[in-house]
Amino acid sequence: MFLTHRPNASELENFVDHSRELPLSYHPTGIAQTGYGGFRLDTASAVIGKGRAAFVRAQQALAEWRQIDFGWVQLFPPHASLEPGTVVAVLVEHLGFWSLNGCRIVYSVGDKQSSFGFAYGTLTNHAEMGEEIFEVSMTESDEVTYRISAASRPRAVLARIGYPYTRFCQARFRRDSIAAMKRAIENH
């Protein structure tokens, strides 16, 4: 949903309430893990810390949605559960307008000992269609890595027409998300 104004709390709450009834805009679930014909698969990862304490902080940061703590993207409700079935609104500020996008947590990833994360999938009121995984893991050498993996394609007319801008925003999101996770680990 594209808007000419920033939605207020009541509008965001109504959007999430309505979104709970909507289906995913894609199938099958799991495309961010395996890829799927017609969807663009993008992955970005970076070492964000070292050691067990950094891994625990990274898990907490994901649980608090701090991977999108960078201003031009906001989550509603701000501290949503990571349980599969949870519906959230992702609000994105663009060039003088806003997009409001519904997503549902579709599955968890990792064993919580060496990796932890979740995936959300787009609902039919999202400008894109696809799935995104947010995951932190700890290697045998104690490096803590943050990874984003997304399978997507444009759904809304404006997203298709503005596909180069859409791709720019997706790359910017991955870059800013990695920076947000690094800050979360360093400042926790």
C-alpha atoms as a PDB file:
ATOM      1  CA  MET A   1       0.000   0.000   0.000  1.00  0.00           C
ATOM      2  CA  PHE A   2       1.460   3.348  -1.056  1.00  0.00           C
ATOM      3  CA  LEU A   3       0.639   6.495   0.935  1.00  0.00           C
ATOM      4  CA  THR A   4       1.276  10.223   0.570  1.00  0.00           C
ATOM      5  CA  HIS A   5       1.478  10.627   4.363  1.00  0.00           C
ATOM      6  CA  ARG A   6       3.105   8.823   7.236  1.00  0.00           C
ATOM      7  CA  PRO A   7       0.397   6.644   8.826  1.00  0.00           C
ATOM      8  CA  ASN A   8      -0.447   7.288  12.460  1.00  0.00           C
ATOM      9  CA  ALA A   9      -0.581   4.599  15.166  1.00  0.00           C
ATOM     10  CA  SER A  10      -4.286   3.943  14.613  1.00  0.00           C
ATOM     11  CA  GLU A  11      -3.799   3.472  10.858  1.00  0.00           C
ATOM     12  CA  LEU A  12      -0.883   1.097  11.507  1.00  0.00           C
ATOM     13  CA  GLU A  13      -2.921  -0.926  13.988  1.00  0.00           C
ATOM     14  CA  ASN A  14      -5.839  -1.173  11.522  1.00  0.00           C
ATOM     15  CA  PHE A  15      -3.448  -2.254   8.765  1.00  0.00           C
ATOM     16  CA  VAL A  16      -1.999  -5.059  10.920  1.00  0.00           C
ATOM     17  CA  ASP A  17      -5.492  -6.159  12.015  1.00  0.00           C
ATOM     18  CA  HIS A  18      -6.640  -6.366   8.379  1.00  0.00           C
ATOM     19  CA  SER A  19      -3.408  -8.091   7.333  1.00  0.00           C
ATOM     20  CA  ARG A  20      -3.959 -10.994   9.734  1.00  0.00           C
ATOM     21  CA  GLU A  21      -6.706 -12.272   7.420  1.00  0.00           C
ATOM     22  CA  LEU A  22      -4.619 -12.101   4.236  1.00  0.00           C
ATOM     23  CA  PRO A  23      -2.779 -14.991   2.615  1.00  0.00           C
ATOM     24  CA  LEU A  24       0.873 -15.044   1.629  1.00  0.00           C
ATOM     25  CA  SER A  25       1.449 -13.524  -1.817  1.00  0.00           C
ATOM     26  CA  TYR A  26       3.740 -16.346  -2.976  1.00  0.00           C
ATOM     27  CA  HIS A  27       4.322 -20.056  -2.716  1.00  0.00           C
ATOM     28  CA  PRO A  28       5.911 -22.334  -1.770  1.00  0.00           C
ATOM     29  CA  THR A  29       7.112 -21.366   1.703  1.00  0.00           C
ATOM     30  CA  GLY A  30      10.879 -21.799   1.988  1.00  0.00           C
ATOM     31  CA  ILE A  31      11.909 -20.003  -1.218  1.00  0.00           C
ATOM     32  CA  ALA A  32      14.474 -17.851   0.605  1.00  0.00           C
ATOM     33  CA  GLN A  33      16.306 -21.062   1.574  1.00  0.00           C
ATOM     34  CA  THR A  34      16.194 -22.785  -1.774  1.00  0.00           C
ATOM     35  CA  GLY A  35      15.372 -20.200  -4.428  1.00  0.00           C
ATOM     36  CA  TYR A  36      12.450 -20.622  -6.803  1.00  0.00           C
ATOM     37  CA  GLY A  37      11.857 -19.896 -10.467  1.00  0.00           C
ATOM     38  CA  GLY A  38      10.892 -16.317 -11.198  1.00  0.00           C
ATOM     39  CA  PHE A  39      12.177 -14.982  -7.864  1.00  0.00           C
ATOM     40  CA  ARG A  40      15.416 -13.077  -7.490  1.00  0.00           C
ATOM     41  CA  LEU A  41      17.567 -14.521  -4.700  1.00  0.00           C
ATOM     42  CA  ASP A  42      19.806 -12.057  -2.855  1.00  0.00           C
ATOM     43  CA  THR A  43      22.055 -12.853   0.088  1.00  0.00           C
ATOM     44  CA  ALA A  44      24.294 -10.608   2.144  1.00  0.00           C
ATOM     45  CA  SER A  45      26.319 -11.519   5.207  1.00  0.00           C
ATOM     46  CA  ALA A  46      28.996 -10.042   7.426  1.00  0.00           C
ATOM     47  CA  VAL A  47      30.935 -10.879  10.561  1.00  0.00           C
ATOM     48  CA  ILE A  48      29.425  -8.717  13.301  1.00  0.00           C
ATOM     49  CA  GLY A  49      31.252  -9.960  16.391  1.00  0.00           C
ATOM     50  CA  LYS A  50      33.257 -12.692  18.035  1.00  0.00           C
ATOM     51  CA  GLY A  51      32.549 -15.070  20.893  1.00  0.00           C
ATOM     52  CA  ARG A  52      29.595 -16.546  22.759  1.00  0.00           C
ATOM     53  CA  ALA A  53      28.628 -13.229  24.400  1.00  0.00           C
ATOM     54  CA  ALA A  54      28.438 -11.521  21.001  1.00  0.00           C
ATOM     55  CA  PHE A  55      26.313 -14.402  19.685  1.00  0.00           C
ATOM     56  CA  VAL A  56      23.889 -14.052  22.602  1.00  0.00           C
ATOM     57  CA  ARG A  57      23.695 -10.283  21.960  1.00  0.00           C
ATOM     58  CA  ALA A  58      23.057 -10.959  18.266  1.00  0.00           C
ATOM     59  CA  GLN A  59      20.210 -13.351  19.106  1.00  0.00           C
ATOM     60  CA  GLN A  60      18.683 -10.741  21.406  1.00  0.00           C
ATOM     61  CA  ALA A  61      19.069  -8.052  18.739  1.00  0.00           C
ATOM     62  CA  LEU A  62      17.147 -10.181  16.226  1.00  0.00           C
ATOM     63  CA  ALA A  63      14.462 -10.939  18.809  1.00  0.00           C
ATOM     64  CA  GLU A  64      14.085  -7.161  19.314  1.00  0.00           C
ATOM     65  CA  TRP A  65      14.008  -6.499  15.511  1.00  0.00           C
ATOM     66  CA  ARG A  66      17.097  -4.283  15.809  1.00  0.00           C
ATOM     67  CA  GLN A  67      18.167  -5.423  12.317  1.00  0.00           C
ATOM     68  CA  ILE A  68      15.747  -2.805  10.950  1.00  0.00           C
ATOM     69  CA  ASP A  69      16.685  -0.052  13.392  1.00  0.00           C
ATOM     70  CA  PHE A  70      17.884   2.465  10.830  1.00  0.00           C
ATOM     71  CA  GLY A  71      15.265   5.154  10.353  1.00  0.00           C
ATOM     72  CA  TRP A  72      13.819   4.878   6.875  1.00  0.00           C
ATOM     73  CA  VAL A  73      12.246   1.467   7.661  1.00  0.00           C
ATOM     74  CA  GLN A  74      10.102   0.844  10.731  1.00  0.00           C
ATOM     75  CA  LEU A  75       8.273  -2.156  12.136  1.00  0.00           C
ATOM     76  CA  PHE A  76       4.818  -2.194  13.691  1.00  0.00           C
ATOM     77  CA  PRO A  77       4.271  -3.397  16.311  1.00  0.00           C
ATOM     78  CA  PRO A  78       7.838  -2.494  17.280  1.00  0.00           C
ATOM     79  CA  HIS A  79       8.588  -5.592  19.398  1.00  0.00           C
ATOM     80  CA  ALA A  80       6.521  -8.222  17.609  1.00  0.00           C
ATOM     81  CA  SER A  81       6.924 -11.876  18.497  1.00  0.00           C
ATOM     82  CA  LEU A  82       9.040 -14.082  16.239  1.00  0.00           C
ATOM     83  CA  GLU A  83       6.518 -16.923  16.512  1.00  0.00           C
ATOM     84  CA  PRO A  84       5.341 -18.296  13.164  1.00  0.00           C
ATOM     85  CA  GLY A  85       1.985 -16.753  12.314  1.00  0.00           C
ATOM     86  CA  THR A  86       2.822 -13.320  13.777  1.00  0.00           C
ATOM     87  CA  VAL A  87       1.831 -10.502  11.401  1.00  0.00           C
ATOM     88  CA  VAL A  88       3.788  -7.243  11.179  1.00  0.00           C
ATOM     89  CA  ALA A  89       3.674  -4.070   9.114  1.00  0.00           C
ATOM     90  CA  VAL A  90       6.889  -2.835   7.539  1.00  0.00           C
ATOM     91  CA  LEU A  91       6.725   0.908   6.903  1.00  0.00           C
ATOM     92  CA  VAL A  92       9.204   2.288   4.370  1.00  0.00           C
ATOM     93  CA  GLU A  93       9.901   5.958   3.683  1.00  0.00           C
ATOM     94  CA  HIS A  94      10.627   6.592   0.007  1.00  0.00           C
ATOM     95  CA  LEU A  95      11.116   9.738  -2.063  1.00  0.00           C
ATOM     96  CA  GLY A  96       8.289  11.802  -0.550  1.00  0.00           C
ATOM     97  CA  PHE A  97       5.876   8.911  -0.017  1.00  0.00           C
ATOM     98  CA  TRP A  98       5.478   5.850   2.182  1.00  0.00           C
ATOM     99  CA  SER A  99       4.811   2.189   1.545  1.00  0.00           C
ATOM    100  CA  LEU A 100       3.120   0.002   4.116  1.00  0.00           C
ATOM    101  CA  ASN A 101       3.709  -3.715   3.673  1.00  0.00           C
ATOM    102  CA  GLY A 102       2.233  -6.709   5.471  1.00  0.00           C
ATOM    103  CA  CYS A 103       4.404  -9.712   6.399  1.00  0.00           C
ATOM    104  CA  ARG A 104       3.901 -12.912   8.383  1.00  0.00           C
ATOM    105  CA  ILE A 105       6.552 -14.878  10.261  1.00  0.00           C
ATOM    106  CA  VAL A 106       6.569 -18.190   8.373  1.00  0.00           C
ATOM    107  CA  TYR A 107       9.278 -20.247  10.091  1.00  0.00           C
ATOM    108  CA  SER A 108      12.234 -20.256  12.469  1.00  0.00           C
ATOM    109  CA  VAL A 109      15.761 -21.200  11.470  1.00  0.00           C
ATOM    110  CA  GLY A 110      18.688 -22.506  13.470  1.00  0.00           C
ATOM    111  CA  ASP A 111      19.250 -24.579  16.551  1.00  0.00           C
ATOM    112  CA  LYS A 112      19.741 -21.620  18.971  1.00  0.00           C
ATOM    113  CA  GLN A 113      23.146 -23.054  19.970  1.00  0.00           C
ATOM    114  CA  SER A 114      25.094 -22.086  16.852  1.00  0.00           C
ATOM    115  CA  SER A 115      22.459 -20.315  14.733  1.00  0.00           C
ATOM    116  CA  PHE A 116      19.226 -18.434  15.311  1.00  0.00           C
ATOM    117  CA  GLY A 117      16.770 -16.630  13.096  1.00  0.00           C
ATOM    118  CA  PHE A 118      13.460 -16.483  11.338  1.00  0.00           C
ATOM    119  CA  ALA A 119      11.841 -15.831   7.990  1.00  0.00           C
ATOM    120  CA  TYR A 120       8.913 -13.662   7.107  1.00  0.00           C
ATOM    121  CA  GLY A 121       6.832 -13.874   3.991  1.00  0.00           C
ATOM    122  CA  THR A 122       4.966 -11.142   2.165  1.00  0.00           C
ATOM    123  CA  LEU A 123       1.196 -10.873   2.317  1.00  0.00           C
ATOM    124  CA  THR A 124      -1.029  -9.796  -0.570  1.00  0.00           C
ATOM    125  CA  ASN A 125      -0.880  -6.145   0.610  1.00  0.00           C
ATOM    126  CA  HIS A 126       2.916  -5.971   0.189  1.00  0.00           C
ATOM    127  CA  ALA A 127       4.514  -4.188  -2.789  1.00  0.00           C
ATOM    128  CA  GLU A 128       6.811  -7.186  -3.325  1.00  0.00           C
ATOM    129  CA  MET A 129       6.219 -10.895  -3.151  1.00  0.00           C
ATOM    130  CA  GLY A 130       8.632 -13.269  -1.530  1.00  0.00           C
ATOM    131  CA  GLU A 131      10.379 -14.246   1.647  1.00  0.00           C
ATOM    132  CA  GLU A 132      13.285 -12.981   3.736  1.00  0.00           C
ATOM    133  CA  ILE A 133      15.470 -14.760   6.294  1.00  0.00           C
ATOM    134  CA  PHE A 134      17.290 -12.938   9.100  1.00  0.00           C
ATOM    135  CA  GLU A 135      19.849 -15.199  10.791  1.00  0.00           C
ATOM    136  CA  VAL A 136      22.833 -14.992  13.117  1.00  0.00           C
ATOM    137  CA  SER A 137      25.294 -17.834  13.508  1.00  0.00           C
ATOM    138  CA  MET A 138      28.549 -18.624  15.254  1.00  0.00           C
ATOM    139  CA  THR A 139      31.322 -20.431  13.428  1.00  0.00           C
ATOM    140  CA  GLU A 140      33.787 -22.904  14.903  1.00  0.00           C
ATOM    141  CA  SER A 141      36.288 -20.035  15.083  1.00  0.00           C
ATOM    142  CA  ASP A 142      33.775 -18.093  17.258  1.00  0.00           C
ATOM    143  CA  GLU A 143      32.979 -15.490  14.601  1.00  0.00           C
ATOM    144  CA  VAL A 144      29.386 -14.239  14.765  1.00  0.00           C
ATOM    145  CA  THR A 145      27.877 -13.780  11.331  1.00  0.00           C
ATOM    146  CA  TYR A 146      24.653 -12.026  10.352  1.00  0.00           C
ATOM    147  CA  ARG A 147      22.980 -13.139   7.112  1.00  0.00           C
ATOM    148  CA  ILE A 148      20.001 -11.851   5.170  1.00  0.00           C
ATOM    149  CA  SER A 149      18.665 -14.017   2.368  1.00  0.00           C
ATOM    150  CA  ALA A 150      15.691 -12.871   0.308  1.00  0.00           C
ATOM    151  CA  ALA A 151      13.753 -14.271  -2.622  1.00  0.00           C
ATOM    152  CA  SER A 152      11.609 -11.584  -4.213  1.00  0.00           C
ATOM    153  CA  ARG A 153       9.898 -10.175  -7.236  1.00  0.00           C
ATOM    154  CA  PRO A 154       7.764  -7.064  -7.631  1.00  0.00           C
ATOM    155  CA  ARG A 155       4.002  -7.448  -7.120  1.00  0.00           C
ATOM    156  CA  ALA A 156       2.515  -3.915  -7.104  1.00  0.00           C
ATOM    157  CA  VAL A 157       2.436  -1.913 -10.332  1.00  0.00           C
ATOM    158  CA  LEU A 158       4.632   0.848  -8.862  1.00  0.00           C
ATOM    159  CA  ALA A 159       7.193  -1.740  -7.731  1.00  0.00           C
ATOM    160  CA  ARG A 160       7.318  -3.196 -11.252  1.00  0.00           C
ATOM    161  CA  ILE A 161       7.504   0.186 -12.996  1.00  0.00           C
ATOM    162  CA  GLY A 162      10.154   1.393 -10.570  1.00  0.00           C
ATOM    163  CA  TYR A 163      12.077  -1.893 -10.478  1.00  0.00           C
ATOM    164  CA  PRO A 164      15.543  -0.270 -10.655  1.00  0.00           C
ATOM    165  CA  TYR A 165      14.597   1.876  -7.640  1.00  0.00           C
ATOM    166  CA  THR A 166      13.154  -1.204  -5.916  1.00  0.00           C
ATOM    167  CA  ARG A 167      16.467  -3.045  -6.408  1.00  0.00           C
ATOM    168  CA  PHE A 168      18.342  -0.011  -5.058  1.00  0.00           C
ATOM    169  CA  CYS A 169      16.135  -0.021  -1.922  1.00  0.00           C
ATOM    170  CA  GLN A 170      16.621  -3.764  -1.431  1.00  0.00           C
ATOM    171  CA  ALA A 171      20.423  -3.411  -1.600  1.00  0.00           C
ATOM    172  CA  ARG A 172      20.286  -0.398   0.721  1.00  0.00           C
ATOM    173  CA  PHE A 173      18.114  -2.392   3.161  1.00  0.00           C
ATOM    174  CA  ARG A 174      20.645  -5.248   3.303  1.00  0.00           C
ATOM    175  CA  ARG A 175      23.569  -2.848   3.802  1.00  0.00           C
ATOM    176  CA  ASP A 176      21.776  -0.789   6.481  1.00  0.00           C
ATOM    177  CA  SER A 177      20.557  -3.934   8.245  1.00  0.00           C
ATOM    178  CA  ILE A 178      24.097  -5.281   8.555  1.00  0.00           C
ATOM    179  CA  ALA A 179      25.236  -1.912   9.955  1.00  0.00           C
ATOM    180  CA  ALA A 180      22.322  -1.923  12.439  1.00  0.00           C
ATOM    181  CA  MET A 181      23.280  -5.386  13.671  1.00  0.00           C
ATOM    182  CA  LYS A 182      26.907  -4.352  14.097  1.00  0.00           C
ATOM    183  CA  ARG A 183      25.758  -1.360  16.175  1.00  0.00           C
ATOM    184  CA  ALA A 184      23.460  -3.611  18.228  1.00  0.00           C
ATOM    185  CA  ILE A 185      26.347  -5.941  19.086  1.00  0.00           C
ATOM    186  CA  GLU A 186      28.805  -3.155  19.882  1.00  0.00           C
ATOM    187  CA  ASN A 187      26.389  -1.039  21.945  1.00  0.00           C
ATOM    188  CA  HIS A 188      24.542  -3.727  23.829  1.00  0.00           C
END
